[in-house]
Amino acid sequence: MRIGIVVNPDAGLGGRLGFKGSDGRAKEARKAGAVDRAGPRMQQCISKFKELLASSLNRMGVSPTIVA
């Protein structure tokens, strides 16, 4: 099984700065100090998902091969 994930690197970019939607304003938001949060959050999510998947498969007697 393969799972593909697409992450919008600009998602939520202007939220902490009070921008009402940062679509088309990513450069402006970054200049104002916005930091990418979508990428790191997705990495956290994938790490946890890998742990849960491996644990579930191990309980079923399956030895998974997970490629990152």
PDB file of N, CA and C in Angstrom:
ATOM      1  N   MET A   1       0.843  -1.164   0.000  1.00  0.00           N
ATOM      2  CA  MET A   1       0.000   0.000   0.000  1.00  0.00           C
ATOM      3  C   MET A   1       0.896   1.238   0.000  1.00  0.00           C
ATOM      4  N   ARG A   2       0.510   2.227  -0.766  1.00  0.00           N
ATOM      5  CA  ARG A   2       1.221   3.504  -0.768  1.00  0.00           C
ATOM      6  C   ARG A   2       0.228   4.613  -0.464  1.00  0.00           C
ATOM      7  N   ILE A   3       0.692   5.564   0.286  1.00  0.00           N
ATOM      8  CA  ILE A   3      -0.137   6.711   0.632  1.00  0.00           C
ATOM      9  C   ILE A   3       0.612   7.968   0.199  1.00  0.00           C
ATOM     10  N   GLY A   4      -0.060   8.830  -0.537  1.00  0.00           N
ATOM     11  CA  GLY A   4       0.541  10.096  -0.955  1.00  0.00           C
ATOM     12  C   GLY A   4      -0.113  11.247  -0.215  1.00  0.00           C
ATOM     13  N   ILE A   5       0.685  12.199   0.175  1.00  0.00           N
ATOM     14  CA  ILE A   5       0.172  13.351   0.912  1.00  0.00           C
ATOM     15  C   ILE A   5       0.727  14.623   0.271  1.00  0.00           C
ATOM     16  N   VAL A   6      -0.149  15.570   0.038  1.00  0.00           N
ATOM     17  CA  VAL A   6       0.257  16.868  -0.494  1.00  0.00           C
ATOM     18  C   VAL A   6       0.031  17.903   0.605  1.00  0.00           C
ATOM     19  N   VAL A   7       1.058  18.674   0.895  1.00  0.00           N
ATOM     20  CA  VAL A   7       0.960  19.687   1.945  1.00  0.00           C
ATOM     21  C   VAL A   7       1.154  21.065   1.323  1.00  0.00           C
ATOM     22  N   ASN A   8       0.238  21.969   1.614  1.00  0.00           N
ATOM     23  CA  ASN A   8       0.366  23.351   1.165  1.00  0.00           C
ATOM     24  C   ASN A   8       1.307  24.056   2.142  1.00  0.00           C
ATOM     25  N   PRO A   9       2.519  24.399   1.711  1.00  0.00           N
ATOM     26  CA  PRO A   9       3.480  25.009   2.633  1.00  0.00           C
ATOM     27  C   PRO A   9       3.059  26.385   3.137  1.00  0.00           C
ATOM     28  N   ASP A  10       2.095  26.996   2.461  1.00  0.00           N
ATOM     29  CA  ASP A  10       1.629  28.315   2.879  1.00  0.00           C
ATOM     30  C   ASP A  10       0.385  28.252   3.764  1.00  0.00           C
ATOM     31  N   ALA A  11      -0.113  27.060   4.034  1.00  0.00           N
ATOM     32  CA  ALA A  11      -1.330  26.913   4.839  1.00  0.00           C
ATOM     33  C   ALA A  11      -1.116  27.484   6.238  1.00  0.00           C
ATOM     34  N   GLY A  12      -1.990  28.377   6.630  1.00  0.00           N
ATOM     35  CA  GLY A  12      -1.929  28.963   7.965  1.00  0.00           C
ATOM     36  C   GLY A  12      -0.781  29.920   8.185  1.00  0.00           C
ATOM     37  N   LEU A  13      -0.087  30.255   7.127  1.00  0.00           N
ATOM     38  CA  LEU A  13       1.126  31.066   7.241  1.00  0.00           C
ATOM     39  C   LEU A  13       0.883  32.423   7.898  1.00  0.00           C
ATOM     40  N   GLY A  14      -0.198  33.078   7.541  1.00  0.00           N
ATOM     41  CA  GLY A  14      -0.434  34.424   8.068  1.00  0.00           C
ATOM     42  C   GLY A  14      -1.314  34.488   9.299  1.00  0.00           C
ATOM     43  N   GLY A  15      -1.750  33.354   9.796  1.00  0.00           N
ATOM     44  CA  GLY A  15      -2.679  33.324  10.926  1.00  0.00           C
ATOM     45  C   GLY A  15      -2.206  34.057  12.160  1.00  0.00           C
ATOM     46  N   ARG A  16      -1.007  33.790  12.587  1.00  0.00           N
ATOM     47  CA  ARG A  16      -0.488  34.428  13.806  1.00  0.00           C
ATOM     48  C   ARG A  16      -0.237  35.918  13.622  1.00  0.00           C
ATOM     49  N   LEU A  17      -0.129  36.332  12.363  1.00  0.00           N
ATOM     50  CA  LEU A  17       0.115  37.748  12.090  1.00  0.00           C
ATOM     51  C   LEU A  17      -1.179  38.525  11.892  1.00  0.00           C
ATOM     52  N   GLY A  18      -2.295  37.817  11.935  1.00  0.00           N
ATOM     53  CA  GLY A  18      -3.587  38.470  11.767  1.00  0.00           C
ATOM     54  C   GLY A  18      -3.981  38.678  10.321  1.00  0.00           C
ATOM     55  N   PHE A  19      -3.268  38.020   9.397  1.00  0.00           N
ATOM     56  CA  PHE A  19      -3.652  38.108   7.987  1.00  0.00           C
ATOM     57  C   PHE A  19      -4.925  37.294   7.829  1.00  0.00           C
ATOM     58  N   LYS A  20      -5.887  37.830   7.167  1.00  0.00           N
ATOM     59  CA  LYS A  20      -7.129  37.087   6.917  1.00  0.00           C
ATOM     60  C   LYS A  20      -6.953  36.311   5.623  1.00  0.00           C
ATOM     61  N   GLY A  21      -6.294  35.181   5.717  1.00  0.00           N
ATOM     62  CA  GLY A  21      -5.982  34.376   4.537  1.00  0.00           C
ATOM     63  C   GLY A  21      -4.670  34.846   3.943  1.00  0.00           C
ATOM     64  N   SER A  22      -3.771  33.926   3.730  1.00  0.00           N
ATOM     65  CA  SER A  22      -2.456  34.308   3.215  1.00  0.00           C
ATOM     66  C   SER A  22      -2.268  33.884   1.761  1.00  0.00           C
ATOM     67  N   ASP A  23      -3.353  33.454   1.097  1.00  0.00           N
ATOM     68  CA  ASP A  23      -3.242  33.074  -0.309  1.00  0.00           C
ATOM     69  C   ASP A  23      -2.716  34.252  -1.113  1.00  0.00           C
ATOM     70  N   GLY A  24      -1.633  34.026  -1.814  1.00  0.00           N
ATOM     71  CA  GLY A  24      -1.042  35.074  -2.624  1.00  0.00           C
ATOM     72  C   GLY A  24      -0.231  36.087  -1.832  1.00  0.00           C
ATOM     73  N   ARG A  25      -0.142  35.885  -0.534  1.00  0.00           N
ATOM     74  CA  ARG A  25       0.575  36.837   0.323  1.00  0.00           C
ATOM     75  C   ARG A  25       1.696  36.158   1.103  1.00  0.00           C
ATOM     76  N   ALA A  26       2.160  35.016   0.621  1.00  0.00           N
ATOM     77  CA  ALA A  26       3.168  34.252   1.354  1.00  0.00           C
ATOM     78  C   ALA A  26       4.458  35.045   1.544  1.00  0.00           C
ATOM     79  N   LYS A  27       4.924  35.702   0.494  1.00  0.00           N
ATOM     80  CA  LYS A  27       6.165  36.481   0.617  1.00  0.00           C
ATOM     81  C   LYS A  27       6.004  37.586   1.659  1.00  0.00           C
ATOM     82  N   GLU A  28       4.872  38.256   1.601  1.00  0.00           N
ATOM     83  CA  GLU A  28       4.592  39.334   2.552  1.00  0.00           C
ATOM     84  C   GLU A  28       4.542  38.789   3.982  1.00  0.00           C
ATOM     85  N   ALA A  29       3.896  37.654   4.156  1.00  0.00           N
ATOM     86  CA  ALA A  29       3.784  37.050   5.485  1.00  0.00           C
ATOM     87  C   ALA A  29       5.154  36.641   6.017  1.00  0.00           C
ATOM     88  N   ARG A  30       5.975  36.041   5.158  1.00  0.00           N
ATOM     89  CA  ARG A  30       7.316  35.623   5.596  1.00  0.00           C
ATOM     90  C   ARG A  30       8.180  36.836   5.946  1.00  0.00           C
ATOM     91  N   LYS A  31       8.066  37.889   5.152  1.00  0.00           N
ATOM     92  CA  LYS A  31       8.815  39.119   5.455  1.00  0.00           C
ATOM     93  C   LYS A  31       8.413  39.677   6.812  1.00  0.00           C
ATOM     94  N   ALA A  32       7.150  39.510   7.160  1.00  0.00           N
ATOM     95  CA  ALA A  32       6.634  40.016   8.435  1.00  0.00           C
ATOM     96  C   ALA A  32       6.949  39.080   9.598  1.00  0.00           C
ATOM     97  N   GLY A  33       7.626  37.951   9.317  1.00  0.00           N
ATOM     98  CA  GLY A  33       8.045  37.051  10.387  1.00  0.00           C
ATOM     99  C   GLY A  33       7.279  35.753  10.505  1.00  0.00           C
ATOM    100  N   ALA A  34       6.411  35.476   9.549  1.00  0.00           N
ATOM    101  CA  ALA A  34       5.651  34.218   9.596  1.00  0.00           C
ATOM    102  C   ALA A  34       6.596  33.031   9.430  1.00  0.00           C
ATOM    103  N   VAL A  35       6.287  31.963  10.115  1.00  0.00           N
ATOM    104  CA  VAL A  35       7.100  30.748  10.079  1.00  0.00           C
ATOM    105  C   VAL A  35       6.246  29.595   9.577  1.00  0.00           C
ATOM    106  N   ASP A  36       6.845  28.745   8.732  1.00  0.00           N
ATOM    107  CA  ASP A  36       6.142  27.571   8.211  1.00  0.00           C
ATOM    108  C   ASP A  36       5.756  26.660   9.361  1.00  0.00           C
ATOM    109  N   ARG A  37       4.468  26.366   9.467  1.00  0.00           N
ATOM    110  CA  ARG A  37       3.994  25.453  10.503  1.00  0.00           C
ATOM    111  C   ARG A  37       3.408  24.191   9.899  1.00  0.00           C
ATOM    112  N   ALA A  38       2.969  24.267   8.645  1.00  0.00           N
ATOM    113  CA  ALA A  38       2.319  23.121   8.012  1.00  0.00           C
ATOM    114  C   ALA A  38       3.293  21.958   7.829  1.00  0.00           C
ATOM    115  N   GLY A  39       4.495  22.241   7.355  1.00  0.00           N
ATOM    116  CA  GLY A  39       5.485  21.186   7.118  1.00  0.00           C
ATOM    117  C   GLY A  39       5.860  20.432   8.386  1.00  0.00           C
ATOM    118  N   PRO A  40       6.293  21.151   9.422  1.00  0.00           N
ATOM    119  CA  PRO A  40       6.642  20.474  10.670  1.00  0.00           C
ATOM    120  C   PRO A  40       5.471  19.699  11.290  1.00  0.00           C
ATOM    121  N   ARG A  41       4.269  20.253  11.191  1.00  0.00           N
ATOM    122  CA  ARG A  41       3.100  19.547  11.733  1.00  0.00           C
ATOM    123  C   ARG A  41       2.845  18.255  10.969  1.00  0.00           C
ATOM    124  N   MET A  42       3.006  18.296   9.651  1.00  0.00           N
ATOM    125  CA  MET A  42       2.797  17.086   8.856  1.00  0.00           C
ATOM    126  C   MET A  42       3.860  16.045   9.191  1.00  0.00           C
ATOM    127  N   GLN A  43       5.098  16.469   9.401  1.00  0.00           N
ATOM    128  CA  GLN A  43       6.152  15.529   9.786  1.00  0.00           C
ATOM    129  C   GLN A  43       5.817  14.855  11.113  1.00  0.00           C
ATOM    130  N   GLN A  44       5.306  15.619  12.064  1.00  0.00           N
ATOM    131  CA  GLN A  44       4.882  15.052  13.353  1.00  0.00           C
ATOM    132  C   GLN A  44       3.778  14.027  13.144  1.00  0.00           C
ATOM    133  N   CYS A  45       2.812  14.388  12.328  1.00  0.00           N
ATOM    134  CA  CYS A  45       1.669  13.517  12.053  1.00  0.00           C
ATOM    135  C   CYS A  45       2.127  12.206  11.424  1.00  0.00           C
ATOM    136  N   ILE A  46       3.013  12.295  10.445  1.00  0.00           N
ATOM    137  CA  ILE A  46       3.490  11.094   9.757  1.00  0.00           C
ATOM    138  C   ILE A  46       4.280  10.208  10.712  1.00  0.00           C
ATOM    139  N   SER A  47       5.099  10.806  11.563  1.00  0.00           N
ATOM    140  CA  SER A  47       5.867  10.017  12.538  1.00  0.00           C
ATOM    141  C   SER A  47       4.941   9.240  13.462  1.00  0.00           C
ATOM    142  N   LYS A  48       3.919   9.907  13.964  1.00  0.00           N
ATOM    143  CA  LYS A  48       2.963   9.245  14.861  1.00  0.00           C
ATOM    144  C   LYS A  48       2.198   8.160  14.120  1.00  0.00           C
ATOM    145  N   PHE A  49       1.797   8.454  12.879  1.00  0.00           N
ATOM    146  CA  PHE A  49       1.074   7.475  12.073  1.00  0.00           C
ATOM    147  C   PHE A  49       1.927   6.227  11.846  1.00  0.00           C
ATOM    148  N   LYS A  50       3.220   6.410  11.562  1.00  0.00           N
ATOM    149  CA  LYS A  50       4.114   5.264  11.362  1.00  0.00           C
ATOM    150  C   LYS A  50       4.192   4.404  12.621  1.00  0.00           C
ATOM    151  N   GLU A  51       4.274   5.058  13.781  1.00  0.00           N
ATOM    152  CA  GLU A  51       4.313   4.323  15.051  1.00  0.00           C
ATOM    153  C   GLU A  51       3.039   3.509  15.250  1.00  0.00           C
ATOM    154  N   LEU A  52       1.897   4.158  15.045  1.00  0.00           N
ATOM    155  CA  LEU A  52       0.614   3.478  15.235  1.00  0.00           C
ATOM    156  C   LEU A  52       0.427   2.333  14.248  1.00  0.00           C
ATOM    157  N   LEU A  53       0.797   2.558  12.997  1.00  0.00           N
ATOM    158  CA  LEU A  53       0.667   1.524  11.976  1.00  0.00           C
ATOM    159  C   LEU A  53       1.556   0.330  12.296  1.00  0.00           C
ATOM    160  N   ALA A  54       2.809   0.585  12.643  1.00  0.00           N
ATOM    161  CA  ALA A  54       3.731  -0.501  12.970  1.00  0.00           C
ATOM    162  C   ALA A  54       3.232  -1.288  14.176  1.00  0.00           C
ATOM    163  N   SER A  55       2.738  -0.590  15.192  1.00  0.00           N
ATOM    164  CA  SER A  55       2.224  -1.243  16.387  1.00  0.00           C
ATOM    165  C   SER A  55       1.029  -2.136  16.056  1.00  0.00           C
ATOM    166  N   SER A  56       0.108  -1.613  15.253  1.00  0.00           N
ATOM    167  CA  SER A  56      -1.079  -2.394  14.874  1.00  0.00           C
ATOM    168  C   SER A  56      -0.698  -3.626  14.070  1.00  0.00           C
ATOM    169  N   LEU A  57       0.202  -3.444  13.119  1.00  0.00           N
ATOM    170  CA  LEU A  57       0.611  -4.577  12.286  1.00  0.00           C
ATOM    171  C   LEU A  57       1.364  -5.619  13.104  1.00  0.00           C
ATOM    172  N   ASN A  58       2.200  -5.179  14.028  1.00  0.00           N
ATOM    173  CA  ASN A  58       2.936  -6.114  14.882  1.00  0.00           C
ATOM    174  C   ASN A  58       1.982  -6.958  15.718  1.00  0.00           C
ATOM    175  N   ARG A  59       0.912  -6.334  16.230  1.00  0.00           N
ATOM    176  CA  ARG A  59      -0.070  -7.084  17.011  1.00  0.00           C
ATOM    177  C   ARG A  59      -0.770  -8.144  16.169  1.00  0.00           C
ATOM    178  N   MET A  60      -0.853  -7.902  14.862  1.00  0.00           N
ATOM    179  CA  MET A  60      -1.488  -8.870  13.961  1.00  0.00           C
ATOM    180  C   MET A  60      -0.487  -9.900  13.453  1.00  0.00           C
ATOM    181  N   GLY A  61       0.767  -9.792  13.891  1.00  0.00           N
ATOM    182  CA  GLY A  61       1.780 -10.744  13.475  1.00  0.00           C
ATOM    183  C   GLY A  61       2.447 -10.398  12.159  1.00  0.00           C
ATOM    184  N   VAL A  62       2.269  -9.177  11.711  1.00  0.00           N
ATOM    185  CA  VAL A  62       2.873  -8.738  10.453  1.00  0.00           C
ATOM    186  C   VAL A  62       4.078  -7.868  10.777  1.00  0.00           C
ATOM    187  N   SER A  63       5.181  -8.126  10.094  1.00  0.00           N
ATOM    188  CA  SER A  63       6.379  -7.324  10.293  1.00  0.00           C
ATOM    189  C   SER A  63       6.479  -6.312   9.152  1.00  0.00           C
ATOM    190  N   PRO A  64       6.133  -5.048   9.425  1.00  0.00           N
ATOM    191  CA  PRO A  64       6.080  -4.065   8.346  1.00  0.00           C
ATOM    192  C   PRO A  64       7.447  -3.541   7.922  1.00  0.00           C
ATOM    193  N   THR A  65       7.531  -3.166   6.678  1.00  0.00           N
ATOM    194  CA  THR A  65       8.687  -2.444   6.165  1.00  0.00           C
ATOM    195  C   THR A  65       8.181  -1.053   5.823  1.00  0.00           C
ATOM    196  N   ILE A  66       8.642  -0.073   6.555  1.00  0.00           N
ATOM    197  CA  ILE A  66       8.188   1.298   6.337  1.00  0.00           C
ATOM    198  C   ILE A  66       9.346   2.097   5.764  1.00  0.00           C
ATOM    199  N   VAL A  67       9.116   2.683   4.609  1.00  0.00           N
ATOM    200  CA  VAL A  67      10.129   3.498   3.943  1.00  0.00           C
ATOM    201  C   VAL A  67       9.743   4.956   4.099  1.00  0.00           C
ATOM    202  N   ALA A  68      10.663   5.748   4.600  1.00  0.00           N
ATOM    203  CA  ALA A  68      10.357   7.174   4.805  1.00  0.00           C
ATOM    204  C   ALA A  68      10.859   8.004   3.659  1.00  0.00           C
TER     205      ALA A  68
END
